[in-house]
Amino acid sequence: MSCLVGLLTLELHLLDSHSLKDKRRVLSSLKERLQKRFNISVAEVDFQDQWQHIRLAAACVSNDGRLIESTFSHILDFLNMDPRVEIAVHNVVFL
């Protein structure tokens, strides 16, 4: 039995954030929606004190690498449709 872990890291720019309170509101919403919609684990991993930037890490576990790639592709599409954020950088790693 094989087990693959995919890790998607994202650097997001918040377009209309003017405070850490604004950032936390958007971040909380994004994390909840991503976790429920894609059945992944999501955490903020950097930029906690910057109100216009978010760095997220999303982990997906499967025995099928194509499923992980498809999930990450859908996540990127989902985030590109969200008018509150802009994807600055993304990276995928398999462990």
Protein backbone atom coordinates (compact mmCIF):
# COMPACT_ATOMS: atom_id res chain seq x y z
CA MET A 1 0.00 0.00 0.00
CA SER A 2 1.40 3.38 -0.98
CA CYS A 3 0.62 6.68 0.67
CA LEU A 4 1.32 10.05 -0.91
CA VAL A 5 1.18 13.40 0.83
CA GLY A 6 0.80 16.47 -1.32
CA LEU A 7 1.69 19.87 0.09
CA LEU A 8 0.43 23.04 -1.60
CA THR A 9 1.92 26.29 -0.35
CA LEU A 10 0.28 29.54 -1.33
CA GLU A 11 1.21 33.15 -0.90
CA LEU A 12 -1.90 35.28 -1.15
CA HIS A 13 -2.29 39.04 -1.39
CA LEU A 14 -5.41 40.47 0.26
CA LEU A 15 -6.89 43.13 -1.99
CA ASP A 16 -9.13 45.03 0.44
CA SER A 17 -7.56 44.36 3.81
CA HIS A 18 -6.80 47.38 5.98
CA SER A 19 -6.10 45.73 9.32
CA LEU A 20 -5.22 42.43 10.96
CA LYS A 21 -8.90 42.12 11.89
CA ASP A 22 -9.84 42.25 8.19
CA LYS A 23 -7.15 39.68 7.41
CA ARG A 24 -8.30 37.29 10.13
CA ARG A 25 -11.91 37.52 8.95
CA VAL A 26 -10.93 36.61 5.37
CA LEU A 27 -8.43 33.99 6.52
CA SER A 28 -10.95 32.26 8.75
CA SER A 29 -13.50 32.16 5.94
CA LEU A 30 -10.98 30.85 3.41
CA LYS A 31 -9.67 28.11 5.68
CA GLU A 32 -13.15 26.91 6.58
CA ARG A 33 -14.36 26.89 2.97
CA LEU A 34 -11.22 25.09 1.70
CA GLN A 35 -11.37 22.44 4.42
CA LYS A 36 -15.06 21.70 3.88
CA ARG A 37 -15.04 21.82 0.09
CA PHE A 38 -11.82 19.88 -0.60
CA ASN A 39 -11.38 17.74 2.54
CA ILE A 40 -7.84 18.99 3.17
CA SER A 41 -5.86 20.32 6.11
CA VAL A 42 -5.05 24.03 5.94
CA ALA A 43 -2.87 26.23 8.14
CA GLU A 44 -1.46 29.74 8.05
CA VAL A 45 2.31 29.24 8.14
CA ASP A 46 3.79 32.75 7.75
CA PHE A 47 3.02 36.48 7.62
CA GLN A 48 0.88 36.37 10.78
CA ASP A 49 1.64 40.04 11.53
CA GLN A 50 1.18 41.37 7.99
CA TRP A 51 -2.34 42.46 7.15
CA GLN A 52 -2.11 42.21 3.34
CA HIS A 53 -0.31 38.86 2.98
CA ILE A 54 -1.21 35.28 3.83
CA ARG A 55 0.96 32.20 3.44
CA LEU A 56 -1.07 29.01 3.63
CA ALA A 57 -0.06 25.37 3.52
CA ALA A 58 -2.62 22.79 2.43
CA ALA A 59 -2.03 19.06 2.82
CA CYS A 60 -3.82 16.27 0.98
CA VAL A 61 -3.24 12.55 1.55
CA SER A 62 -4.10 9.86 -1.00
CA ASN A 63 -2.73 6.76 -2.68
CA ASP A 64 -3.26 8.46 -6.07
CA GLY A 65 -1.00 11.36 -7.07
CA ARG A 66 -3.38 12.38 -9.85
CA LEU A 67 -6.15 12.88 -7.29
CA ILE A 68 -3.90 15.16 -5.24
CA GLU A 69 -2.88 17.14 -8.34
CA SER A 70 -6.53 17.48 -9.36
CA THR A 71 -7.52 18.63 -5.88
CA PHE A 72 -4.78 21.27 -5.85
CA SER A 73 -5.78 22.43 -9.33
CA HIS A 74 -9.38 22.84 -8.14
CA ILE A 75 -8.16 24.77 -5.09
CA LEU A 76 -6.23 27.18 -7.32
CA ASP A 77 -9.30 27.65 -9.53
CA PHE A 78 -11.45 28.23 -6.45
CA LEU A 79 -9.07 30.86 -5.07
CA ASN A 80 -8.74 32.57 -8.46
CA MET A 81 -12.53 33.07 -8.40
CA ASP A 82 -12.43 34.72 -4.96
CA PRO A 83 -12.35 38.53 -5.39
CA ARG A 84 -10.82 39.04 -1.93
CA VAL A 85 -7.46 37.45 -2.72
CA GLU A 86 -4.85 37.24 -5.43
CA ILE A 87 -2.46 34.30 -5.69
CA ALA A 88 1.09 35.67 -5.74
CA VAL A 89 2.99 32.36 -5.54
CA HIS A 90 2.07 28.70 -5.30
CA ASN A 91 4.15 25.55 -5.06
CA VAL A 92 3.31 21.83 -4.94
CA VAL A 93 5.52 19.20 -3.32
CA PHE A 94 4.93 15.46 -2.91
CA LEU A 95 6.28 13.74 0.17
